[in-house]
All heavy atoms as atom14 arrays in JSON, in Angstrom:
{
  "sequence": "GHVPGRDFELRLTLTGAVLRIEVSDTRGEKRPPCPGELAPPPSVVETG",
  "atom14_mask": [
    [1, 1, 1, 1, 0, 0, 0, 0, 0, 0, 0, 0, 0, 0],
    [1, 1, 1, 1, 1, 1, 1, 1, 1, 1, 0, 0, 0, 0],
    [1, 1, 1, 1, 1, 1, 1, 0, 0, 0, 0, 0, 0, 0],
    [1, 1, 1, 1, 1, 1, 1, 0, 0, 0, 0, 0, 0, 0],
    [1, 1, 1, 1, 0, 0, 0, 0, 0, 0, 0, 0, 0, 0],
    [1, 1, 1, 1, 1, 1, 1, 1, 1, 1, 1, 0, 0, 0],
    [1, 1, 1, 1, 1, 1, 1, 1, 0, 0, 0, 0, 0, 0],
    [1, 1, 1, 1, 1, 1, 1, 1, 1, 1, 1, 0, 0, 0],
    [1, 1, 1, 1, 1, 1, 1, 1, 1, 0, 0, 0, 0, 0],
    [1, 1, 1, 1, 1, 1, 1, 1, 0, 0, 0, 0, 0, 0],
    [1, 1, 1, 1, 1, 1, 1, 1, 1, 1, 1, 0, 0, 0],
    [1, 1, 1, 1, 1, 1, 1, 1, 0, 0, 0, 0, 0, 0],
    [1, 1, 1, 1, 1, 1, 1, 0, 0, 0, 0, 0, 0, 0],
    [1, 1, 1, 1, 1, 1, 1, 1, 0, 0, 0, 0, 0, 0],
    [1, 1, 1, 1, 1, 1, 1, 0, 0, 0, 0, 0, 0, 0],
    [1, 1, 1, 1, 0, 0, 0, 0, 0, 0, 0, 0, 0, 0],
    [1, 1, 1, 1, 1, 0, 0, 0, 0, 0, 0, 0, 0, 0],
    [1, 1, 1, 1, 1, 1, 1, 0, 0, 0, 0, 0, 0, 0],
    [1, 1, 1, 1, 1, 1, 1, 1, 0, 0, 0, 0, 0, 0],
    [1, 1, 1, 1, 1, 1, 1, 1, 1, 1, 1, 0, 0, 0],
    [1, 1, 1, 1, 1, 1, 1, 1, 0, 0, 0, 0, 0, 0],
    [1, 1, 1, 1, 1, 1, 1, 1, 1, 0, 0, 0, 0, 0],
    [1, 1, 1, 1, 1, 1, 1, 0, 0, 0, 0, 0, 0, 0],
    [1, 1, 1, 1, 1, 1, 0, 0, 0, 0, 0, 0, 0, 0],
    [1, 1, 1, 1, 1, 1, 1, 1, 0, 0, 0, 0, 0, 0],
    [1, 1, 1, 1, 1, 1, 1, 0, 0, 0, 0, 0, 0, 0],
    [1, 1, 1, 1, 1, 1, 1, 1, 1, 1, 1, 0, 0, 0],
    [1, 1, 1, 1, 0, 0, 0, 0, 0, 0, 0, 0, 0, 0],
    [1, 1, 1, 1, 1, 1, 1, 1, 1, 0, 0, 0, 0, 0],
    [1, 1, 1, 1, 1, 1, 1, 1, 1, 0, 0, 0, 0, 0],
    [1, 1, 1, 1, 1, 1, 1, 1, 1, 1, 1, 0, 0, 0],
    [1, 1, 1, 1, 1, 1, 1, 0, 0, 0, 0, 0, 0, 0],
    [1, 1, 1, 1, 1, 1, 1, 0, 0, 0, 0, 0, 0, 0],
    [1, 1, 1, 1, 1, 1, 0, 0, 0, 0, 0, 0, 0, 0],
    [1, 1, 1, 1, 1, 1, 1, 0, 0, 0, 0, 0, 0, 0],
    [1, 1, 1, 1, 0, 0, 0, 0, 0, 0, 0, 0, 0, 0],
    [1, 1, 1, 1, 1, 1, 1, 1, 1, 0, 0, 0, 0, 0],
    [1, 1, 1, 1, 1, 1, 1, 1, 0, 0, 0, 0, 0, 0],
    [1, 1, 1, 1, 1, 0, 0, 0, 0, 0, 0, 0, 0, 0],
    [1, 1, 1, 1, 1, 1, 1, 0, 0, 0, 0, 0, 0, 0],
    [1, 1, 1, 1, 1, 1, 1, 0, 0, 0, 0, 0, 0, 0],
    [1, 1, 1, 1, 1, 1, 1, 0, 0, 0, 0, 0, 0, 0],
    [1, 1, 1, 1, 1, 1, 0, 0, 0, 0, 0, 0, 0, 0],
    [1, 1, 1, 1, 1, 1, 1, 0, 0, 0, 0, 0, 0, 0],
    [1, 1, 1, 1, 1, 1, 1, 0, 0, 0, 0, 0, 0, 0],
    [1, 1, 1, 1, 1, 1, 1, 1, 1, 0, 0, 0, 0, 0],
    [1, 1, 1, 1, 1, 1, 1, 0, 0, 0, 0, 0, 0, 0],
    [1, 1, 1, 1, 0, 0, 0, 0, 0, 0, 0, 0, 0, 0]
  ],
  "atom14_positions": [
    [[109.68, 90.92, 16.17], [109.5, 90.48, 14.79], [108.15, 90.84, 14.22], [107.81, 90.46, 13.11], [0.0, 0.0, 0.0], [0.0, 0.0, 0.0], [0.0, 0.0, 0.0], [0.0, 0.0, 0.0], [0.0, 0.0, 0.0], [0.0, 0.0, 0.0], [0.0, 0.0, 0.0], [0.0, 0.0, 0.0], [0.0, 0.0, 0.0], [0.0, 0.0, 0.0]],
    [[107.38, 91.61, 14.98], [106.02, 91.96, 14.57], [106.01, 92.87, 13.35], [106.69, 93.89, 13.3], [105.3, 92.66, 15.72], [103.94, 93.15, 15.37], [102.88, 92.29, 15.2], [103.48, 94.39, 15.13], [101.81, 93.0, 14.88], [102.16, 94.27, 14.82], [0.0, 0.0, 0.0], [0.0, 0.0, 0.0], [0.0, 0.0, 0.0], [0.0, 0.0, 0.0]],
    [[105.26, 92.46, 12.36], [104.95, 93.28, 11.19], [103.43, 93.31, 11.12], [102.79, 92.25, 11.13], [105.54, 92.67, 9.89], [105.08, 93.44, 8.68], [107.06, 92.62, 9.96], [0.0, 0.0, 0.0], [0.0, 0.0, 0.0], [0.0, 0.0, 0.0], [0.0, 0.0, 0.0], [0.0, 0.0, 0.0], [0.0, 0.0, 0.0], [0.0, 0.0, 0.0]],
    [[102.82, 94.51, 11.09], [101.35, 94.57, 11.08], [100.75, 93.67, 10.0], [101.19, 93.66, 8.86], [101.07, 96.04, 10.81], [102.27, 96.76, 11.34], [103.43, 95.84, 11.04], [0.0, 0.0, 0.0], [0.0, 0.0, 0.0], [0.0, 0.0, 0.0], [0.0, 0.0, 0.0], [0.0, 0.0, 0.0], [0.0, 0.0, 0.0], [0.0, 0.0, 0.0]],
    [[99.76, 92.88, 10.41], [99.08, 92.0, 9.48], [99.78, 90.69, 9.21], [99.29, 89.87, 8.43], [0.0, 0.0, 0.0], [0.0, 0.0, 0.0], [0.0, 0.0, 0.0], [0.0, 0.0, 0.0], [0.0, 0.0, 0.0], [0.0, 0.0, 0.0], [0.0, 0.0, 0.0], [0.0, 0.0, 0.0], [0.0, 0.0, 0.0], [0.0, 0.0, 0.0]],
    [[100.93, 90.45, 9.83], [101.68, 89.22, 9.6], [101.75, 88.4, 10.88], [101.94, 88.94, 11.97], [103.11, 89.53, 9.13], [103.2, 90.31, 7.85], [102.92, 89.37, 6.66], [102.93, 90.07, 5.41], [103.94, 90.07, 4.57], [105.04, 89.42, 4.85], [103.85, 90.72, 3.43], [0.0, 0.0, 0.0], [0.0, 0.0, 0.0], [0.0, 0.0, 0.0]],
    [[101.63, 87.11, 10.75], [101.7, 86.2, 11.89], [103.13, 85.7, 12.07], [103.98, 85.89, 11.21], [100.8, 84.98, 11.64], [99.33, 85.36, 11.5], [98.93, 86.4, 12.06], [98.59, 84.6, 10.85], [0.0, 0.0, 0.0], [0.0, 0.0, 0.0], [0.0, 0.0, 0.0], [0.0, 0.0, 0.0], [0.0, 0.0, 0.0], [0.0, 0.0, 0.0]],
    [[103.36, 85.02, 13.18], [104.6, 84.26, 13.32], [104.22, 82.78, 13.27], [103.07, 82.41, 13.44], [105.37, 84.62, 14.6], [104.78, 84.12, 15.89], [105.11, 82.86, 16.39], [103.91, 84.92, 16.63], [104.57, 82.41, 17.57], [103.37, 84.47, 17.82], [103.69, 83.21, 18.29], [0.0, 0.0, 0.0], [0.0, 0.0, 0.0], [0.0, 0.0, 0.0]],
    [[105.21, 81.95, 12.99], [104.96, 80.52, 12.81], [105.79, 79.7, 13.78], [106.97, 79.98, 13.97], [105.32, 80.14, 11.37], [105.06, 78.68, 11.03], [105.41, 78.41, 9.58], [104.54, 78.62, 8.72], [106.57, 78.02, 9.33], [0.0, 0.0, 0.0], [0.0, 0.0, 0.0], [0.0, 0.0, 0.0], [0.0, 0.0, 0.0], [0.0, 0.0, 0.0]],
    [[105.15, 78.72, 14.37], [105.83, 77.75, 15.24], [105.86, 76.42, 14.51], [104.84, 75.98, 13.96], [105.07, 77.6, 16.55], [105.49, 76.43, 17.45], [106.9, 76.63, 17.99], [104.49, 76.26, 18.59], [0.0, 0.0, 0.0], [0.0, 0.0, 0.0], [0.0, 0.0, 0.0], [0.0, 0.0, 0.0], [0.0, 0.0, 0.0], [0.0, 0.0, 0.0]],
    [[107.01, 75.78, 14.53], [107.15, 74.45, 13.94], [107.92, 73.59, 14.93], [109.03, 73.94, 15.35], [107.9, 74.53, 12.61], [108.07, 73.19, 11.92], [108.88, 73.38, 10.64], [108.99, 72.15, 9.91], [108.23, 71.82, 8.86], [107.32, 72.65, 8.42], [108.39, 70.67, 8.26], [0.0, 0.0, 0.0], [0.0, 0.0, 0.0], [0.0, 0.0, 0.0]],
    [[107.33, 72.47, 15.3], [107.96, 71.48, 16.17], [108.21, 70.24, 15.34], [107.3, 69.78, 14.64], [107.06, 71.12, 17.35], [106.56, 72.27, 18.22], [105.52, 71.75, 19.22], [107.72, 72.93, 18.94], [0.0, 0.0, 0.0], [0.0, 0.0, 0.0], [0.0, 0.0, 0.0], [0.0, 0.0, 0.0], [0.0, 0.0, 0.0], [0.0, 0.0, 0.0]],
    [[109.41, 69.7, 15.42], [109.75, 68.48, 14.7], [110.38, 67.51, 15.69], [111.36, 67.87, 16.36], [110.73, 68.76, 13.55], [110.19, 69.79, 12.71], [110.97, 67.51, 12.73], [0.0, 0.0, 0.0], [0.0, 0.0, 0.0], [0.0, 0.0, 0.0], [0.0, 0.0, 0.0], [0.0, 0.0, 0.0], [0.0, 0.0, 0.0], [0.0, 0.0, 0.0]],
    [[109.81, 66.32, 15.79], [110.32, 65.31, 16.7], [110.81, 64.12, 15.89], [110.06, 63.54, 15.11], [109.21, 64.86, 17.66], [109.58, 63.81, 18.69], [110.61, 64.36, 19.68], [108.34, 63.34, 19.42], [0.0, 0.0, 0.0], [0.0, 0.0, 0.0], [0.0, 0.0, 0.0], [0.0, 0.0, 0.0], [0.0, 0.0, 0.0], [0.0, 0.0, 0.0]],
    [[112.08, 63.81, 16.05], [112.66, 62.61, 15.43], [113.02, 61.66, 16.56], [112.72, 61.93, 17.72], [113.91, 62.95, 14.61], [114.93, 63.41, 15.49], [113.63, 64.0, 13.55], [0.0, 0.0, 0.0], [0.0, 0.0, 0.0], [0.0, 0.0, 0.0], [0.0, 0.0, 0.0], [0.0, 0.0, 0.0], [0.0, 0.0, 0.0], [0.0, 0.0, 0.0]],
    [[113.69, 60.61, 16.24], [114.08, 59.66, 17.27], [115.08, 60.2, 18.27], [115.19, 59.71, 19.37], [0.0, 0.0, 0.0], [0.0, 0.0, 0.0], [0.0, 0.0, 0.0], [0.0, 0.0, 0.0], [0.0, 0.0, 0.0], [0.0, 0.0, 0.0], [0.0, 0.0, 0.0], [0.0, 0.0, 0.0], [0.0, 0.0, 0.0], [0.0, 0.0, 0.0]],
    [[115.81, 61.25, 17.92], [116.9, 61.73, 18.78], [116.79, 63.2, 19.17], [117.46, 63.63, 20.1], [118.23, 61.51, 18.07], [0.0, 0.0, 0.0], [0.0, 0.0, 0.0], [0.0, 0.0, 0.0], [0.0, 0.0, 0.0], [0.0, 0.0, 0.0], [0.0, 0.0, 0.0], [0.0, 0.0, 0.0], [0.0, 0.0, 0.0], [0.0, 0.0, 0.0]],
    [[115.97, 63.99, 18.46], [115.98, 65.44, 18.65], [114.57, 66.02, 18.59], [113.75, 65.6, 17.76], [116.85, 66.12, 17.56], [116.76, 67.64, 17.63], [118.3, 65.69, 17.69], [0.0, 0.0, 0.0], [0.0, 0.0, 0.0], [0.0, 0.0, 0.0], [0.0, 0.0, 0.0], [0.0, 0.0, 0.0], [0.0, 0.0, 0.0], [0.0, 0.0, 0.0]],
    [[114.31, 67.0, 19.45], [113.13, 67.86, 19.32], [113.63, 69.19, 18.79], [114.46, 69.84, 19.43], [112.44, 68.05, 20.67], [111.31, 69.09, 20.67], [110.17, 68.65, 19.75], [110.8, 69.34, 22.08], [0.0, 0.0, 0.0], [0.0, 0.0, 0.0], [0.0, 0.0, 0.0], [0.0, 0.0, 0.0], [0.0, 0.0, 0.0], [0.0, 0.0, 0.0]],
    [[113.15, 69.56, 17.61], [113.55, 70.83, 17.0], [112.38, 71.8, 17.14], [111.25, 71.48, 16.82], [113.88, 70.64, 15.53], [114.21, 71.96, 14.83], [114.57, 71.75, 13.39], [115.88, 71.12, 13.34], [116.36, 70.51, 12.26], [115.65, 70.43, 11.16], [117.57, 69.97, 12.29], [0.0, 0.0, 0.0], [0.0, 0.0, 0.0], [0.0, 0.0, 0.0]],
    [[112.71, 73.01, 17.6], [111.73, 74.09, 17.78], [112.14, 75.21, 16.84], [113.29, 75.67, 16.9], [111.73, 74.59, 19.24], [111.37, 73.46, 20.19], [110.81, 75.79, 19.39], [111.73, 73.73, 21.63], [0.0, 0.0, 0.0], [0.0, 0.0, 0.0], [0.0, 0.0, 0.0], [0.0, 0.0, 0.0], [0.0, 0.0, 0.0], [0.0, 0.0, 0.0]],
    [[111.22, 75.65, 15.99], [111.51, 76.76, 15.08], [110.39, 77.79, 15.2], [109.22, 77.44, 15.11], [111.6, 76.27, 13.64], [112.76, 75.33, 13.42], [112.78, 74.76, 12.01], [111.72, 74.29, 11.53], [113.86, 74.79, 11.39], [0.0, 0.0, 0.0], [0.0, 0.0, 0.0], [0.0, 0.0, 0.0], [0.0, 0.0, 0.0], [0.0, 0.0, 0.0]],
    [[110.79, 79.03, 15.41], [109.85, 80.14, 15.42], [110.3, 81.12, 14.34], [111.44, 81.57, 14.35], [109.77, 80.83, 16.8], [108.86, 82.04, 16.74], [109.27, 79.83, 17.85], [0.0, 0.0, 0.0], [0.0, 0.0, 0.0], [0.0, 0.0, 0.0], [0.0, 0.0, 0.0], [0.0, 0.0, 0.0], [0.0, 0.0, 0.0], [0.0, 0.0, 0.0]],
    [[109.39, 81.4, 13.41], [109.71, 82.26, 12.26], [108.82, 83.49, 12.28], [107.64, 83.42, 12.63], [109.46, 81.5, 10.95], [110.23, 80.33, 10.9], [0.0, 0.0, 0.0], [0.0, 0.0, 0.0], [0.0, 0.0, 0.0], [0.0, 0.0, 0.0], [0.0, 0.0, 0.0], [0.0, 0.0, 0.0], [0.0, 0.0, 0.0], [0.0, 0.0, 0.0]],
    [[109.4, 84.61, 11.88], [108.62, 85.83, 11.69], [109.05, 86.47, 10.38], [109.98, 86.01, 9.73], [108.76, 86.79, 12.88], [110.17, 87.3, 13.09], [110.75, 87.89, 12.15], [110.72, 87.12, 14.19], [0.0, 0.0, 0.0], [0.0, 0.0, 0.0], [0.0, 0.0, 0.0], [0.0, 0.0, 0.0], [0.0, 0.0, 0.0], [0.0, 0.0, 0.0]],
    [[108.36, 87.52, 9.98], [108.62, 88.13, 8.67], [109.52, 89.36, 8.75], [109.68, 90.06, 7.76], [107.29, 88.52, 7.99], [106.55, 89.36, 8.87], [106.47, 87.28, 7.67], [0.0, 0.0, 0.0], [0.0, 0.0, 0.0], [0.0, 0.0, 0.0], [0.0, 0.0, 0.0], [0.0, 0.0, 0.0], [0.0, 0.0, 0.0], [0.0, 0.0, 0.0]],
    [[110.12, 89.6, 9.88], [110.98, 90.77, 10.04], [112.44, 90.35, 9.97], [113.08, 90.09, 10.99], [110.68, 91.44, 11.37], [111.28, 92.81, 11.49], [110.24, 93.76, 11.99], [110.73, 95.1, 11.88], [110.48, 96.02, 12.78], [109.74, 95.75, 13.83], [110.94, 97.23, 12.61], [0.0, 0.0, 0.0], [0.0, 0.0, 0.0], [0.0, 0.0, 0.0]],
    [[112.96, 90.28, 8.76], [114.32, 89.8, 8.55], [115.4, 90.79, 8.94], [116.53, 90.4, 9.24], [0.0, 0.0, 0.0], [0.0, 0.0, 0.0], [0.0, 0.0, 0.0], [0.0, 0.0, 0.0], [0.0, 0.0, 0.0], [0.0, 0.0, 0.0], [0.0, 0.0, 0.0], [0.0, 0.0, 0.0], [0.0, 0.0, 0.0], [0.0, 0.0, 0.0]],
    [[115.09, 92.08, 8.95], [116.13, 93.08, 9.24], [116.44, 93.19, 10.72], [117.47, 93.74, 11.09], [115.73, 94.45, 8.67], [114.69, 95.21, 9.47], [113.24, 94.79, 9.2], [113.0, 93.84, 8.44], [112.36, 95.43, 9.77], [0.0, 0.0, 0.0], [0.0, 0.0, 0.0], [0.0, 0.0, 0.0], [0.0, 0.0, 0.0], [0.0, 0.0, 0.0]],
    [[115.59, 92.67, 11.59], [115.83, 92.71, 13.04], [116.26, 91.33, 13.5], [115.46, 90.54, 13.96], [114.57, 93.16, 13.79], [114.43, 94.64, 13.92], [113.36, 94.96, 14.91], [113.94, 95.77, 16.03], [112.94, 96.26, 16.97], [0.0, 0.0, 0.0], [0.0, 0.0, 0.0], [0.0, 0.0, 0.0], [0.0, 0.0, 0.0], [0.0, 0.0, 0.0]],
    [[117.55, 91.05, 13.36], [118.07, 89.73, 13.72], [118.69, 89.76, 15.11], [119.43, 90.69, 15.44], [119.1, 89.29, 12.7], [118.52, 89.06, 11.32], [119.59, 88.68, 10.34], [120.11, 87.36, 10.59], [119.64, 86.24, 10.03], [118.63, 86.32, 9.19], [120.17, 85.08, 10.29], [0.0, 0.0, 0.0], [0.0, 0.0, 0.0], [0.0, 0.0, 0.0]],
    [[118.43, 88.73, 15.88], [119.09, 88.65, 17.19], [120.55, 88.26, 17.03], [120.96, 87.8, 15.96], [118.31, 87.54, 17.89], [117.79, 86.68, 16.8], [117.54, 87.61, 15.63], [0.0, 0.0, 0.0], [0.0, 0.0, 0.0], [0.0, 0.0, 0.0], [0.0, 0.0, 0.0], [0.0, 0.0, 0.0], [0.0, 0.0, 0.0], [0.0, 0.0, 0.0]],
    [[121.34, 88.42, 18.07], [122.72, 87.96, 18.01], [122.75, 86.45, 17.81], [121.8, 85.74, 18.14], [123.29, 88.32, 19.38], [122.32, 89.23, 20.01], [121.0, 89.04, 19.34], [0.0, 0.0, 0.0], [0.0, 0.0, 0.0], [0.0, 0.0, 0.0], [0.0, 0.0, 0.0], [0.0, 0.0, 0.0], [0.0, 0.0, 0.0], [0.0, 0.0, 0.0]],
    [[123.84, 85.96, 17.28], [124.01, 84.53, 17.04], [124.49, 83.86, 18.32], [124.95, 84.52, 19.25], [125.03, 84.32, 15.92], [124.4, 84.86, 14.33], [0.0, 0.0, 0.0], [0.0, 0.0, 0.0], [0.0, 0.0, 0.0], [0.0, 0.0, 0.0], [0.0, 0.0, 0.0], [0.0, 0.0, 0.0], [0.0, 0.0, 0.0], [0.0, 0.0, 0.0]],
    [[124.42, 82.53, 18.38], [124.94, 81.82, 19.55], [126.39, 82.19, 19.83], [127.19, 82.36, 18.93], [124.83, 80.34, 19.14], [123.75, 80.31, 18.11], [123.86, 81.62, 17.38], [0.0, 0.0, 0.0], [0.0, 0.0, 0.0], [0.0, 0.0, 0.0], [0.0, 0.0, 0.0], [0.0, 0.0, 0.0], [0.0, 0.0, 0.0], [0.0, 0.0, 0.0]],
    [[126.68, 82.35, 21.09], [128.04, 82.72, 21.5], [128.29, 84.22, 21.49], [129.31, 84.68, 21.99], [0.0, 0.0, 0.0], [0.0, 0.0, 0.0], [0.0, 0.0, 0.0], [0.0, 0.0, 0.0], [0.0, 0.0, 0.0], [0.0, 0.0, 0.0], [0.0, 0.0, 0.0], [0.0, 0.0, 0.0], [0.0, 0.0, 0.0], [0.0, 0.0, 0.0]],
    [[127.36, 85.0, 20.91], [127.52, 86.46, 20.84], [126.66, 87.19, 21.86], [126.66, 88.42, 21.9], [127.15, 86.97, 19.44], [128.03, 86.47, 18.33], [127.57, 86.95, 16.96], [126.52, 87.62, 16.86], [128.27, 86.63, 15.99], [0.0, 0.0, 0.0], [0.0, 0.0, 0.0], [0.0, 0.0, 0.0], [0.0, 0.0, 0.0], [0.0, 0.0, 0.0]],
    [[125.92, 86.47, 22.67], [125.01, 87.09, 23.62], [125.77, 87.65, 24.81], [126.66, 87.0, 25.36], [123.98, 86.08, 24.13], [123.04, 85.5, 23.09], [122.2, 84.4, 23.71], [122.15, 86.59, 22.52], [0.0, 0.0, 0.0], [0.0, 0.0, 0.0], [0.0, 0.0, 0.0], [0.0, 0.0, 0.0], [0.0, 0.0, 0.0], [0.0, 0.0, 0.0]],
    [[125.4, 88.85, 25.2], [125.97, 89.46, 26.4], [124.83, 89.73, 27.37], [123.76, 90.18, 26.95], [126.68, 90.76, 26.04], [0.0, 0.0, 0.0], [0.0, 0.0, 0.0], [0.0, 0.0, 0.0], [0.0, 0.0, 0.0], [0.0, 0.0, 0.0], [0.0, 0.0, 0.0], [0.0, 0.0, 0.0], [0.0, 0.0, 0.0], [0.0, 0.0, 0.0]],
    [[125.03, 89.46, 28.65], [123.95, 89.74, 29.61], [123.64, 91.24, 29.63], [124.53, 92.07, 29.55], [124.53, 89.3, 30.95], [125.73, 88.49, 30.64], [126.2, 88.89, 29.27], [0.0, 0.0, 0.0], [0.0, 0.0, 0.0], [0.0, 0.0, 0.0], [0.0, 0.0, 0.0], [0.0, 0.0, 0.0], [0.0, 0.0, 0.0], [0.0, 0.0, 0.0]],
    [[122.35, 91.58, 29.72], [121.99, 93.0, 29.79], [122.38, 93.55, 31.16], [122.6, 92.79, 32.11], [120.47, 92.98, 29.61], [120.05, 91.64, 30.09], [121.18, 90.71, 29.76], [0.0, 0.0, 0.0], [0.0, 0.0, 0.0], [0.0, 0.0, 0.0], [0.0, 0.0, 0.0], [0.0, 0.0, 0.0], [0.0, 0.0, 0.0], [0.0, 0.0, 0.0]],
    [[122.47, 94.86, 31.27], [122.75, 95.46, 32.58], [121.72, 95.0, 33.61], [120.55, 94.77, 33.27], [122.65, 96.96, 32.34], [122.77, 97.13, 30.86], [122.28, 95.86, 30.23], [0.0, 0.0, 0.0], [0.0, 0.0, 0.0], [0.0, 0.0, 0.0], [0.0, 0.0, 0.0], [0.0, 0.0, 0.0], [0.0, 0.0, 0.0], [0.0, 0.0, 0.0]],
    [[122.13, 94.88, 34.85], [121.24, 94.36, 35.89], [120.03, 95.24, 36.14], [119.03, 94.77, 36.67], [122.01, 94.14, 37.19], [122.55, 95.37, 37.63], [0.0, 0.0, 0.0], [0.0, 0.0, 0.0], [0.0, 0.0, 0.0], [0.0, 0.0, 0.0], [0.0, 0.0, 0.0], [0.0, 0.0, 0.0], [0.0, 0.0, 0.0], [0.0, 0.0, 0.0]],
    [[120.08, 96.51, 35.76], [118.95, 97.41, 36.0], [117.87, 97.28, 34.91], [116.78, 97.79, 35.07], [119.42, 98.88, 36.09], [120.29, 99.07, 37.32], [120.13, 99.31, 34.84], [0.0, 0.0, 0.0], [0.0, 0.0, 0.0], [0.0, 0.0, 0.0], [0.0, 0.0, 0.0], [0.0, 0.0, 0.0], [0.0, 0.0, 0.0], [0.0, 0.0, 0.0]],
    [[118.17, 96.56, 33.83], [117.22, 96.39, 32.75], [116.39, 95.14, 33.02], [116.91, 94.11, 33.42], [117.98, 96.26, 31.4], [117.01, 96.02, 30.26], [118.81, 97.49, 31.14], [0.0, 0.0, 0.0], [0.0, 0.0, 0.0], [0.0, 0.0, 0.0], [0.0, 0.0, 0.0], [0.0, 0.0, 0.0], [0.0, 0.0, 0.0], [0.0, 0.0, 0.0]],
    [[115.07, 95.25, 32.81], [114.18, 94.13, 33.11], [113.97, 93.19, 31.93], [113.32, 92.16, 32.07], [112.83, 94.65, 33.58], [112.91, 95.36, 34.92], [111.56, 95.81, 35.43], [110.53, 95.41, 34.84], [111.53, 96.56, 36.4], [0.0, 0.0, 0.0], [0.0, 0.0, 0.0], [0.0, 0.0, 0.0], [0.0, 0.0, 0.0], [0.0, 0.0, 0.0]],
    [[114.48, 93.52, 30.76], [114.27, 92.68, 29.58], [115.63, 92.27, 29.01], [116.67, 92.7, 29.48], [113.48, 93.44, 28.49], [114.22, 94.59, 28.1], [112.11, 93.86, 29.0], [0.0, 0.0, 0.0], [0.0, 0.0, 0.0], [0.0, 0.0, 0.0], [0.0, 0.0, 0.0], [0.0, 0.0, 0.0], [0.0, 0.0, 0.0], [0.0, 0.0, 0.0]],
    [[115.58, 91.43, 27.97], [116.81, 91.1, 27.25], [117.48, 89.81, 27.69], [118.62, 89.55, 27.32], [0.0, 0.0, 0.0], [0.0, 0.0, 0.0], [0.0, 0.0, 0.0], [0.0, 0.0, 0.0], [0.0, 0.0, 0.0], [0.0, 0.0, 0.0], [0.0, 0.0, 0.0], [0.0, 0.0, 0.0], [0.0, 0.0, 0.0], [0.0, 0.0, 0.0]]
  ]
}
């Protein structure tokens, strides 16, 4: 999500029942897959 000159933002919100973690960046065109759409990477790949 890196865009030169732009930061990312972390937001933690704690309520009585939930800890919410949000990480935001300014690169909207590079979206990760949604929940349930993730596929494990090949075993020879070290990332992902």
